[in-house]
Amino acid sequence: MFPIDTVPGMSWWRMVEEAKAPPPDGPRITVVGDAISDVYLHGKVRRLSPEAPIPVVQVEREERRPGGAANVACNLARLGARVTLLAAAARDSEGFLLRESLDEYGVETVLVDAPATTRKVRVLGSRQHISRLDYDTLLDEDRDRDRRLLDAVPGDSQLVVISDYGKGLCSTALCRALIQRSRSAGSPVLVDPHRGAWDRYRGATLLTPNLEELSAATDGRLKDDDEVIEHAGEDIRRRYELDALLVTRSERGMTLLREETCEHHPTLALDVFDVSGAGDTVIAAVAAARGWGWGWSAAVDFANRAARVVVGKSGTATASLEEIEGLAGQVKERDLDQLVREVEEWRRQGLRLVVTNGCFDLLHAGHVVLLESAKRLGDRLVVAVNDDAGVQRLKGPSRPLNNLSRRVAVLSALSSVDRVLPFSEDTPRQLLEALSPDVLVKGGDYRLDEVIGREFAKETVLVPLVEELSTTRLAEHLRESRLEEN
């Protein structure tokens, strides 16, 4: 039909240069769809049930997050949009807590009554998913409810997102009326569709199905092949009179189809922790970028990066501009203020923080063993590294052999390292006090009572050194070799 262009990942700054920087006043976006309360029960597994061969989870903590269309709205709010959510919820405890969470994100809400608030309960034992319980509330068609929702769309709404989870709110009548009214007013309509009849979405600006949903819409199971996706996607785009179709293909990335154009955006996901809500983040990021006036390619690349951020988190999650910017070029460097904010988010997700520190001047196998051992002790590893002046004070005027930017780049390239934190103080005491790690790791050349800042960590672990390996020894060996050559 026409060639698929593979779009290499743009750097953040190239994206800003080729599109537009996000404006200080975000776009006004309306989200219409099925709001869900995502409930997480965190606990530990220590035994199997005597009643059946299933694990017994001793619940220690209960957590709730906005899901479904509510998660789309929260993602948009994190990206700076001014968001109104039109959805349904009951006047029950789940509905109250959902409203409270949306208020915290700054989302304006118009919630029509439902018999009960839909919720998904996920049970996690020792950070592994054990089971999921769905309490669905399916709504019957209601013309009065449709009219109330249509009337609630803000007059200054620049863009509408329909997030259809198949719970009944996104009726055929409501979807058609939203699309007709919005397109007549010049406002794009982006749809995250549900499996089923897609005629209700006819005339929308964009649909964002995953591969399974696209397969269902084409009456068959599609092979995840570029050419197959191209033909099936273009057929759907034309059939439903769409401006664009964005197919999300998990580890294969995303394929964007427009008239006479097809682009494949390879996945950026490296360490996938949890895919829950990734589709919500994709449509929210595309909507935000289009609201800023960005082109389609830049918007999809931005969404690809946002998805990369959220799949590295536990459960339904959001991505901020700062996190997406930090992903550009796989840069892992942070300052202390940035890292403290990230650590707060990690703690809300129940993740275990490990910190180690050092000069890491000439990275060798001993360092790699230390860092890999440290990462196995938790979920996120932060490496605090002395700046150049600090290394010189510790090691002498001939050091460092590699300047700070080079040392940060090498550490950032290691999969075991999640963040790199340069520091200028003689000791890491200040940063350890600010981060309060679950585990502090040092090499086996230290005694426990010599580890500075151990009082700020819940646990301190000494990792045995690899014999005969140290930066100082390697530097001496290089000098001796040079002398012998001369």
Protein backbone atom coordinates (compact mmCIF):
# COMPACT_ATOMS: atom_id res chain seq x y z
CA MET A 1 0.00 0.00 0.00
CA PHE A 2 2.55 2.53 1.15
CA PRO A 3 5.83 2.14 3.02
CA ILE A 4 6.02 2.12 6.79
CA ASP A 5 8.48 4.66 8.12
CA THR A 6 10.27 3.70 11.30
CA VAL A 7 10.48 6.79 13.45
CA PRO A 8 13.61 6.89 15.63
CA GLY A 9 13.08 8.25 19.14
CA MET A 10 13.39 12.02 19.09
CA SER A 11 15.29 13.66 21.89
CA TRP A 12 13.12 15.80 24.13
CA TRP A 13 14.78 18.98 22.93
CA ARG A 14 14.49 18.05 19.27
CA MET A 15 10.82 17.37 19.88
CA VAL A 16 10.37 20.81 21.44
CA GLU A 17 12.30 22.44 18.60
CA GLU A 18 10.30 20.70 15.87
CA ALA A 19 6.95 21.13 17.58
CA LYS A 20 6.30 23.57 20.40
CA ALA A 21 7.25 23.68 24.05
CA PRO A 22 4.28 22.99 26.36
CA PRO A 23 2.64 26.37 27.05
CA PRO A 24 2.31 27.56 30.66
CA ASP A 25 -1.50 27.45 30.44
CA GLY A 26 -2.45 23.94 29.43
CA PRO A 27 -5.19 23.13 26.92
CA ARG A 28 -8.81 22.74 28.09
CA ILE A 29 -9.65 19.04 27.58
CA THR A 30 -12.85 17.14 28.39
CA VAL A 31 -12.70 13.41 29.19
CA VAL A 32 -15.91 11.38 28.88
CA GLY A 33 -16.00 7.74 29.91
CA ASP A 34 -16.10 4.96 32.47
CA ALA A 35 -14.44 5.90 35.75
CA ILE A 36 -13.08 2.99 37.77
CA SER A 37 -11.73 2.75 41.29
CA ASP A 38 -8.52 0.69 41.17
CA VAL A 39 -7.95 -0.97 44.55
CA TYR A 40 -4.64 -2.60 45.49
CA LEU A 41 -4.27 -4.96 48.43
CA HIS A 42 -0.57 -5.29 49.28
CA GLY A 43 0.69 -8.07 51.50
CA LYS A 44 3.10 -10.97 51.96
CA VAL A 45 2.82 -14.63 51.04
CA ARG A 46 4.19 -17.03 53.64
CA ARG A 47 2.15 -20.19 53.08
CA LEU A 48 -0.40 -22.01 50.94
CA SER A 49 -4.03 -22.30 51.95
CA PRO A 50 -5.01 -25.62 53.61
CA GLU A 51 -8.34 -25.33 51.77
CA ALA A 52 -6.92 -25.21 48.21
CA PRO A 53 -3.50 -25.01 46.49
CA ILE A 54 -3.51 -21.21 46.47
CA PRO A 55 -1.29 -18.68 48.26
CA VAL A 56 -2.52 -16.96 51.42
CA VAL A 57 -1.84 -13.22 51.26
CA GLN A 58 -1.49 -11.50 54.63
CA VAL A 59 -2.80 -8.03 53.70
CA GLU A 60 -0.72 -5.20 55.16
CA ARG A 61 -1.82 -2.18 53.14
CA GLU A 62 -4.79 -1.05 51.03
CA GLU A 63 -4.44 1.55 48.29
CA ARG A 64 -6.85 3.21 45.85
CA ARG A 65 -6.11 4.98 42.58
CA PRO A 66 -8.29 6.52 39.86
CA GLY A 67 -8.70 4.07 36.97
CA GLY A 68 -10.29 3.97 33.52
CA ALA A 69 -11.41 7.39 32.29
CA ALA A 70 -10.44 8.81 35.69
CA ASN A 71 -6.85 7.70 35.08
CA VAL A 72 -6.91 9.39 31.66
CA ALA A 73 -8.04 12.61 33.34
CA CYS A 74 -5.32 12.38 36.02
CA ASN A 75 -2.64 11.75 33.37
CA LEU A 76 -3.79 14.86 31.50
CA ALA A 77 -3.73 16.90 34.70
CA ARG A 78 -0.15 15.77 35.42
CA LEU A 79 0.79 16.99 31.96
CA GLY A 80 -0.59 20.45 32.70
CA ALA A 81 -3.98 20.27 30.97
CA ARG A 82 -7.09 21.83 32.45
CA VAL A 83 -9.33 18.79 32.68
CA THR A 84 -13.04 18.16 33.11
CA LEU A 85 -14.13 14.54 33.64
CA LEU A 86 -17.68 13.49 32.77
CA ALA A 87 -18.35 10.04 34.22
CA ALA A 88 -20.60 8.00 36.53
CA ALA A 89 -20.10 7.02 40.17
CA ALA A 90 -22.29 6.06 43.09
CA ARG A 91 -22.63 7.94 46.34
CA ASP A 92 -20.85 5.09 48.11
CA SER A 93 -17.45 4.88 49.82
CA GLU A 94 -15.67 3.98 46.59
CA GLY A 95 -17.30 6.91 44.80
CA PHE A 96 -16.38 9.29 47.60
CA LEU A 97 -12.73 8.19 47.59
CA LEU A 98 -12.62 8.42 43.78
CA ARG A 99 -13.92 12.01 43.91
CA GLU A 100 -11.35 12.81 46.58
CA SER A 101 -8.48 11.44 44.45
CA LEU A 102 -9.62 13.41 41.40
CA ASP A 103 -9.76 16.58 43.50
CA GLU A 104 -6.14 16.00 44.55
CA TYR A 105 -5.11 15.94 40.88
CA GLY A 106 -7.05 19.15 40.21
CA VAL A 107 -9.56 17.46 37.89
CA GLU A 108 -12.98 19.11 37.62
CA THR A 109 -15.60 16.37 37.83
CA VAL A 110 -19.21 15.99 36.73
CA LEU A 111 -20.28 12.58 38.00
CA VAL A 112 -23.78 11.34 37.25
CA ASP A 113 -25.30 8.78 39.61
CA ALA A 114 -24.69 5.05 39.20
CA PRO A 115 -26.07 2.13 41.26
CA ALA A 116 -22.52 1.36 42.47
CA THR A 117 -19.00 2.53 41.65
CA THR A 118 -17.13 0.13 39.37
CA ARG A 119 -13.94 -1.13 40.98
CA LYS A 120 -11.11 -3.53 40.23
CA VAL A 121 -9.42 -5.12 43.22
CA ARG A 122 -5.89 -6.40 42.65
CA VAL A 123 -4.27 -8.64 45.25
CA LEU A 124 -0.47 -8.46 45.40
CA GLY A 125 1.58 -10.83 47.51
CA SER A 126 5.27 -10.00 47.98
CA ARG A 127 4.94 -7.51 45.08
CA GLN A 128 3.57 -10.20 42.70
CA HIS A 129 0.04 -10.13 41.26
CA ILE A 130 -1.96 -12.97 42.79
CA SER A 131 -5.48 -12.27 41.53
CA ARG A 132 -7.92 -9.58 40.38
CA LEU A 133 -11.55 -9.16 41.40
CA ASP A 134 -13.82 -7.02 39.19
CA TYR A 135 -16.99 -5.39 40.53
CA ASP A 136 -18.60 -4.03 37.37
CA THR A 137 -21.59 -1.72 37.28
CA LEU A 138 -23.12 -1.83 33.80
CA LEU A 139 -25.33 1.12 32.89
CA ASP A 140 -28.41 0.86 30.70
CA GLU A 141 -28.94 3.39 27.92
CA ASP A 142 -30.43 6.60 29.31
CA ARG A 143 -31.21 9.55 27.03
CA ASP A 144 -31.63 11.93 29.98
CA ARG A 145 -28.17 10.98 31.28
CA ASP A 146 -26.72 11.50 27.78
CA ARG A 147 -28.25 14.99 27.61
CA ARG A 148 -26.91 15.91 31.06
CA LEU A 149 -23.40 14.85 30.06
CA LEU A 150 -23.56 16.68 26.72
CA ASP A 151 -24.74 19.85 28.45
CA ALA A 152 -21.86 19.57 30.94
CA VAL A 153 -19.11 19.78 28.27
CA PRO A 154 -17.37 23.13 28.92
CA GLY A 155 -17.93 25.70 26.18
CA ASP A 156 -14.19 26.40 25.94
CA SER A 157 -13.20 22.74 25.58
CA GLN A 158 -10.48 22.49 22.92
CA LEU A 159 -10.45 18.70 22.65
CA VAL A 160 -12.59 15.75 23.78
CA VAL A 161 -11.33 12.32 24.83
CA ILE A 162 -13.74 9.36 24.96
CA SER A 163 -12.45 6.58 27.24
CA ASP A 164 -14.77 3.62 26.68
CA TYR A 165 -14.33 0.66 29.03
CA GLY A 166 -17.63 -0.94 28.01
CA LYS A 167 -19.53 -0.17 31.23
CA GLY A 168 -22.40 1.52 29.38
CA LEU A 169 -21.74 5.23 29.87
CA CYS A 170 -20.36 5.64 26.31
CA SER A 171 -23.61 4.78 24.58
CA THR A 172 -23.96 4.95 20.81
CA ALA A 173 -26.17 8.04 21.13
CA LEU A 174 -23.73 9.84 23.44
CA CYS A 175 -20.63 9.05 21.35
CA ARG A 176 -22.28 10.13 18.10
CA ALA A 177 -23.59 13.35 19.62
CA LEU A 178 -20.20 14.19 21.18
CA ILE A 179 -18.36 13.58 17.92
CA GLN A 180 -20.86 15.55 15.82
CA ARG A 181 -21.02 18.51 18.19
CA SER A 182 -17.25 18.65 18.79
CA ARG A 183 -16.26 18.32 15.15
CA SER A 184 -18.80 21.00 14.19
CA ALA A 185 -17.12 23.29 16.72
CA GLY A 186 -13.67 22.45 15.35
CA SER A 187 -12.64 20.38 18.38
CA PRO A 188 -10.84 17.06 17.77
CA VAL A 189 -12.26 13.89 19.37
CA LEU A 190 -9.82 11.16 20.44
CA VAL A 191 -11.25 7.74 21.35
CA ASP A 192 -9.81 4.84 23.33
CA PRO A 193 -12.31 2.24 22.06
CA HIS A 194 -13.87 -0.81 23.66
CA ARG A 195 -14.26 -4.10 21.85
CA GLY A 196 -17.58 -4.20 20.06
CA ALA A 197 -19.48 -2.01 17.63
CA TRP A 198 -17.21 0.80 16.47
CA ASP A 199 -19.84 2.51 14.35
CA ARG A 200 -20.52 4.71 17.37
CA TYR A 201 -17.06 6.25 16.89
CA ARG A 202 -17.57 7.11 13.20
CA GLY A 203 -16.06 10.47 12.31
CA ALA A 204 -13.75 10.71 15.32
CA THR A 205 -10.34 12.29 14.86
CA LEU A 206 -8.34 9.38 16.29
CA LEU A 207 -8.92 5.85 17.59
CA THR A 208 -6.25 4.16 19.76
CA PRO A 209 -7.02 0.41 19.75
CA ASN A 210 -4.58 -2.23 20.94
CA LEU A 211 -3.85 -5.23 18.74
CA GLU A 212 -6.56 -7.39 20.33
CA GLU A 213 -9.19 -4.68 19.85
CA LEU A 214 -8.14 -4.15 16.24
CA SER A 215 -8.37 -7.91 15.66
CA ALA A 216 -11.92 -8.01 17.06
CA ALA A 217 -12.94 -5.09 14.83
CA THR A 218 -11.67 -6.91 11.72
CA ASP A 219 -13.40 -10.22 12.58
CA GLY A 220 -10.20 -12.20 12.96
CA ARG A 221 -7.01 -12.68 14.93
CA LEU A 222 -4.38 -10.44 13.38
CA LYS A 223 -0.76 -11.42 13.18
CA ASP A 224 1.46 -8.77 14.78
CA ASP A 225 3.20 -7.96 11.52
CA ASP A 226 3.86 -4.49 10.12
CA GLU A 227 2.23 -5.14 6.76
CA VAL A 228 -0.80 -6.90 8.29
CA ILE A 229 -1.35 -4.06 10.77
CA GLU A 230 -0.96 -1.51 7.97
CA HIS A 231 -3.65 -3.09 5.78
CA ALA A 232 -6.11 -3.83 8.61
CA GLY A 233 -5.59 -0.43 10.22
CA GLU A 234 -6.06 1.51 6.99
CA ASP A 235 -9.26 -0.44 6.29
CA ILE A 236 -10.62 0.52 9.74
CA ARG A 237 -9.52 4.14 9.32
CA ARG A 238 -11.40 4.48 6.04
CA ARG A 239 -14.43 2.46 7.15
CA TYR A 240 -15.08 4.67 10.17
CA GLU A 241 -14.00 7.95 8.52
CA LEU A 242 -11.17 8.63 10.97
CA ASP A 243 -8.43 11.19 10.50
CA ALA A 244 -5.92 8.84 12.15
CA LEU A 245 -5.59 5.43 13.79
CA LEU A 246 -2.94 4.63 16.42
CA VAL A 247 -2.45 0.91 17.07
CA THR A 248 -0.64 0.11 20.33
CA ARG A 249 1.31 -3.14 19.95
CA SER A 250 2.87 -3.77 23.37
CA GLU A 251 6.59 -4.60 22.98
CA ARG A 252 6.38 -3.90 19.20
CA GLY A 253 5.64 -0.22 19.81
CA MET A 254 2.92 1.82 18.07
CA THR A 255 1.78 2.22 14.47
CA LEU A 256 0.22 5.51 13.36
CA LEU A 257 -1.92 5.48 10.21
CA ARG A 258 -3.14 8.58 8.43
CA GLU A 259 -4.17 9.16 4.84
CA GLU A 260 -1.25 8.08 2.63
CA THR A 261 1.01 7.84 5.70
CA CYS A 262 2.05 5.02 8.02
CA GLU A 263 4.67 5.37 10.77
CA HIS A 264 6.00 2.77 13.15
CA HIS A 265 7.28 4.05 16.49
CA PRO A 266 9.42 1.34 18.14
CA THR A 267 8.86 0.69 21.83
CA LEU A 268 11.05 2.44 24.36
CA ALA A 269 10.08 0.12 27.21
CA LEU A 270 13.09 -1.64 28.74
CA ASP A 271 12.15 -2.83 32.23
CA VAL A 272 8.39 -3.43 32.29
CA PHE A 273 7.08 -3.47 35.84
CA ASP A 274 3.32 -3.23 35.22
CA VAL A 275 1.29 -2.45 32.07
CA SER A 276 -1.88 -1.45 33.99
CA GLY A 277 -3.30 1.78 32.56
CA ALA A 278 -0.61 2.22 29.90
CA GLY A 279 -3.32 2.76 27.26
CA ASP A 280 -4.81 5.54 29.39
CA THR A 281 -1.44 7.28 29.46
CA VAL A 282 -1.01 6.93 25.68
CA ILE A 283 -4.28 8.64 24.76
CA ALA A 284 -3.76 11.30 27.45
CA ALA A 285 -0.27 12.12 26.18
CA VAL A 286 -1.41 12.30 22.54
CA ALA A 287 -4.33 14.53 23.57
CA ALA A 288 -2.07 16.86 25.57
CA ALA A 289 0.48 17.13 22.75
CA ARG A 290 -2.21 17.81 20.15
CA GLY A 291 -3.69 20.40 22.50
CA TRP A 292 -0.28 22.12 22.56
CA GLY A 293 -0.36 22.23 18.77
CA TRP A 294 2.19 19.47 18.13
CA GLY A 295 2.10 17.40 14.93
CA TRP A 296 1.03 13.76 14.89
CA SER A 297 4.53 12.25 14.82
CA ALA A 298 5.77 14.33 17.73
CA ALA A 299 2.57 13.61 19.69
CA VAL A 300 2.93 9.84 19.24
CA ASP A 301 6.63 9.93 20.11
CA PHE A 302 5.71 11.87 23.26
CA ALA A 303 3.04 9.26 24.11
CA ASN A 304 5.59 6.50 23.56
CA ARG A 305 7.87 8.09 26.14
CA ALA A 306 5.02 8.64 28.58
CA ALA A 307 4.07 4.96 28.28
CA ARG A 308 7.71 4.04 28.96
CA VAL A 309 7.49 5.95 32.23
CA VAL A 310 4.28 4.34 33.50
CA VAL A 311 5.12 0.72 32.68
CA GLY A 312 8.14 1.14 34.94
CA LYS A 313 5.80 1.88 37.84
CA SER A 314 3.58 -0.39 39.89
CA GLY A 315 -0.15 -0.37 39.12
CA THR A 316 -2.26 2.34 37.48
CA ALA A 317 0.03 5.35 37.25
CA THR A 318 0.63 8.74 35.64
CA ALA A 319 3.63 10.36 33.94
CA SER A 320 4.74 13.94 34.53
CA LEU A 321 6.52 16.23 32.06
CA GLU A 322 9.61 16.06 34.28
CA GLU A 323 9.68 12.25 34.15
CA ILE A 324 9.21 12.19 30.38
CA GLU A 325 11.91 14.82 29.90
CA GLY A 326 14.23 12.79 32.11
CA LEU A 327 13.73 9.79 29.83
CA ALA A 328 15.14 11.58 26.79
CA GLY A 329 18.33 9.82 25.78
CA GLN A 330 17.84 7.46 28.77
CA VAL A 331 19.30 10.17 31.03
CA LYS A 332 19.14 9.01 34.63
CA GLU A 333 20.90 11.94 36.29
CA ARG A 334 18.91 13.87 38.90
CA ASP A 335 19.59 16.57 41.46
CA LEU A 336 18.55 15.97 45.06
CA ASP A 337 15.27 17.93 44.91
CA GLN A 338 14.14 16.06 41.78
CA LEU A 339 15.07 12.72 43.29
CA VAL A 340 13.28 13.37 46.58
CA ARG A 341 10.04 13.94 44.65
CA GLU A 342 10.56 10.73 42.67
CA VAL A 343 11.32 8.76 45.82
CA GLU A 344 8.06 9.98 47.35
CA GLU A 345 6.21 8.57 44.32
CA TRP A 346 8.11 5.28 44.56
CA ARG A 347 7.14 4.97 48.20
CA ARG A 348 3.49 5.53 47.35
CA GLN A 349 3.87 2.60 44.96
CA GLY A 350 5.35 0.41 47.71
CA LEU A 351 8.78 0.20 46.05
CA ARG A 352 11.96 -0.54 48.02
CA LEU A 353 14.78 2.01 47.66
CA VAL A 354 18.46 1.02 47.61
CA VAL A 355 21.27 3.62 47.66
CA THR A 356 25.01 3.25 47.23
CA ASN A 357 27.72 5.87 46.70
CA GLY A 358 31.27 6.28 45.50
CA CYS A 359 33.59 7.86 42.93
CA PHE A 360 33.15 5.22 40.19
CA ASP A 361 36.10 6.80 38.42
CA LEU A 362 37.19 3.89 36.21
CA LEU A 363 34.25 1.50 36.06
CA HIS A 364 35.35 -2.15 36.31
CA ALA A 365 33.89 -5.60 36.98
CA GLY A 366 33.99 -5.06 40.72
CA HIS A 367 31.72 -2.03 40.39
CA VAL A 368 29.33 -4.00 38.16
CA VAL A 369 29.09 -6.82 40.74
CA LEU A 370 28.47 -4.28 43.52
CA LEU A 371 25.72 -2.51 41.58
CA GLU A 372 23.99 -5.70 40.44
CA SER A 373 24.09 -7.06 44.00
CA ALA A 374 22.65 -3.78 45.28
CA LYS A 375 19.79 -3.80 42.74
CA ARG A 376 18.75 -7.29 43.84
CA LEU A 377 18.10 -5.92 47.33
CA GLY A 378 15.21 -3.70 46.21
CA ASP A 379 13.18 -2.20 43.37
CA ARG A 380 15.01 1.06 42.62
CA LEU A 381 18.78 1.65 42.83
CA VAL A 382 20.16 5.17 43.24
CA VAL A 383 23.91 5.68 42.79
CA ALA A 384 25.29 8.81 44.44
CA VAL A 385 28.56 9.83 42.77
CA ASN A 386 31.17 12.33 43.99
CA ASP A 387 31.72 15.33 41.72
CA ASP A 388 35.17 16.05 40.31
CA ALA A 389 36.28 18.32 43.17
CA GLY A 390 35.12 15.72 45.69
CA VAL A 391 37.09 12.94 43.96
CA GLN A 392 40.18 15.14 43.93
CA ARG A 393 39.88 15.79 47.66
CA LEU A 394 39.49 12.07 48.35
CA LYS A 395 41.97 10.58 45.85
CA GLY A 396 44.54 13.29 45.14
CA PRO A 397 45.32 15.86 42.44
CA SER A 398 45.71 13.27 39.63
CA ARG A 399 42.13 12.09 39.96
CA PRO A 400 39.50 11.72 38.61
CA LEU A 401 40.61 9.90 35.48
CA ASN A 402 37.13 10.48 34.00
CA ASN A 403 35.21 13.68 34.60
CA LEU A 404 31.76 13.72 36.19
CA SER A 405 29.73 13.80 32.96
CA ARG A 406 31.56 10.72 31.64
CA ARG A 407 31.13 8.83 34.91
CA VAL A 408 27.40 9.69 34.99
CA ALA A 409 27.01 8.54 31.37
CA VAL A 410 28.66 5.17 32.04
CA LEU A 411 26.62 4.55 35.20
CA SER A 412 23.41 5.56 33.38
CA ALA A 413 24.09 2.92 30.73
CA LEU A 414 23.87 0.10 33.29
CA SER A 415 20.47 -1.61 33.51
CA SER A 416 20.94 -2.17 37.25
CA VAL A 417 21.10 1.61 37.88
CA ASP A 418 17.83 3.56 38.01
CA ARG A 419 19.09 7.03 38.97
CA VAL A 420 22.47 8.76 39.29
CA LEU A 421 22.85 11.56 41.85
CA PRO A 422 26.03 13.71 41.73
CA PHE A 423 26.94 15.36 45.02
CA SER A 424 29.58 17.90 46.03
CA GLU A 425 29.83 17.33 49.79
CA ASP A 426 32.70 15.31 51.27
CA THR A 427 30.25 12.70 52.60
CA PRO A 428 26.82 11.47 51.48
CA ARG A 429 25.27 12.15 54.89
CA GLN A 430 23.00 14.99 53.69
CA LEU A 431 21.57 13.11 50.72
CA LEU A 432 21.05 9.93 52.76
CA GLU A 433 19.12 11.91 55.36
CA ALA A 434 16.92 13.35 52.59
CA LEU A 435 16.32 10.00 50.87
CA SER A 436 16.07 7.70 53.93
CA PRO A 437 16.78 4.54 51.90
CA ASP A 438 15.46 1.13 52.79
CA VAL A 439 18.92 -0.30 52.11
CA LEU A 440 22.35 1.37 52.07
CA VAL A 441 25.01 -0.65 50.23
CA LYS A 442 28.81 -0.34 50.48
CA GLY A 443 31.74 -2.49 49.39
CA GLY A 444 33.29 -5.13 51.64
CA ASP A 445 36.40 -2.99 52.23
CA TYR A 446 34.33 -1.07 54.81
CA ARG A 447 33.43 -2.12 58.33
CA LEU A 448 29.82 -1.53 59.31
CA ASP A 449 30.77 1.14 61.86
CA GLU A 450 32.70 3.03 59.15
CA VAL A 451 29.71 3.48 56.84
CA ILE A 452 28.74 7.16 56.89
CA GLY A 453 25.00 7.88 57.03
CA ARG A 454 23.98 4.34 57.99
CA GLU A 455 21.70 5.79 60.70
CA PHE A 456 19.40 7.13 57.95
CA ALA A 457 18.88 3.71 56.34
CA LYS A 458 16.68 0.90 57.61
CA GLU A 459 19.38 -1.61 56.70
CA THR A 460 23.06 -1.47 55.73
CA VAL A 461 24.58 -4.23 53.57
CA LEU A 462 28.28 -4.80 52.79
CA VAL A 463 28.93 -6.51 49.43
CA PRO A 464 32.18 -8.54 49.19
CA LEU A 465 34.75 -7.08 46.81
CA VAL A 466 36.04 -8.78 43.67
CA GLU A 467 39.67 -9.60 44.48
CA GLU A 468 42.48 -7.68 42.80
CA LEU A 469 40.07 -5.11 41.35
CA SER A 470 40.04 -1.42 42.24
CA THR A 471 40.33 1.82 40.28
CA THR A 472 43.54 2.70 42.12
CA ARG A 473 45.16 -0.64 41.20
CA LEU A 474 44.04 -0.30 37.59
CA ALA A 475 45.45 3.24 37.41
CA GLU A 476 48.78 2.06 38.88
CA HIS A 477 48.90 -0.81 36.39
CA LEU A 478 48.33 1.62 33.50
CA ARG A 479 51.13 3.90 34.74
CA GLU A 480 53.50 0.94 35.10
CA SER A 481 52.66 -0.29 31.62
CA ARG A 482 53.34 3.16 30.20
CA LEU A 483 56.73 3.33 31.96
CA GLU A 484 57.71 -0.09 30.60
CA GLU A 485 56.80 1.02 27.06
CA ASN A 486 58.99 4.08 27.44
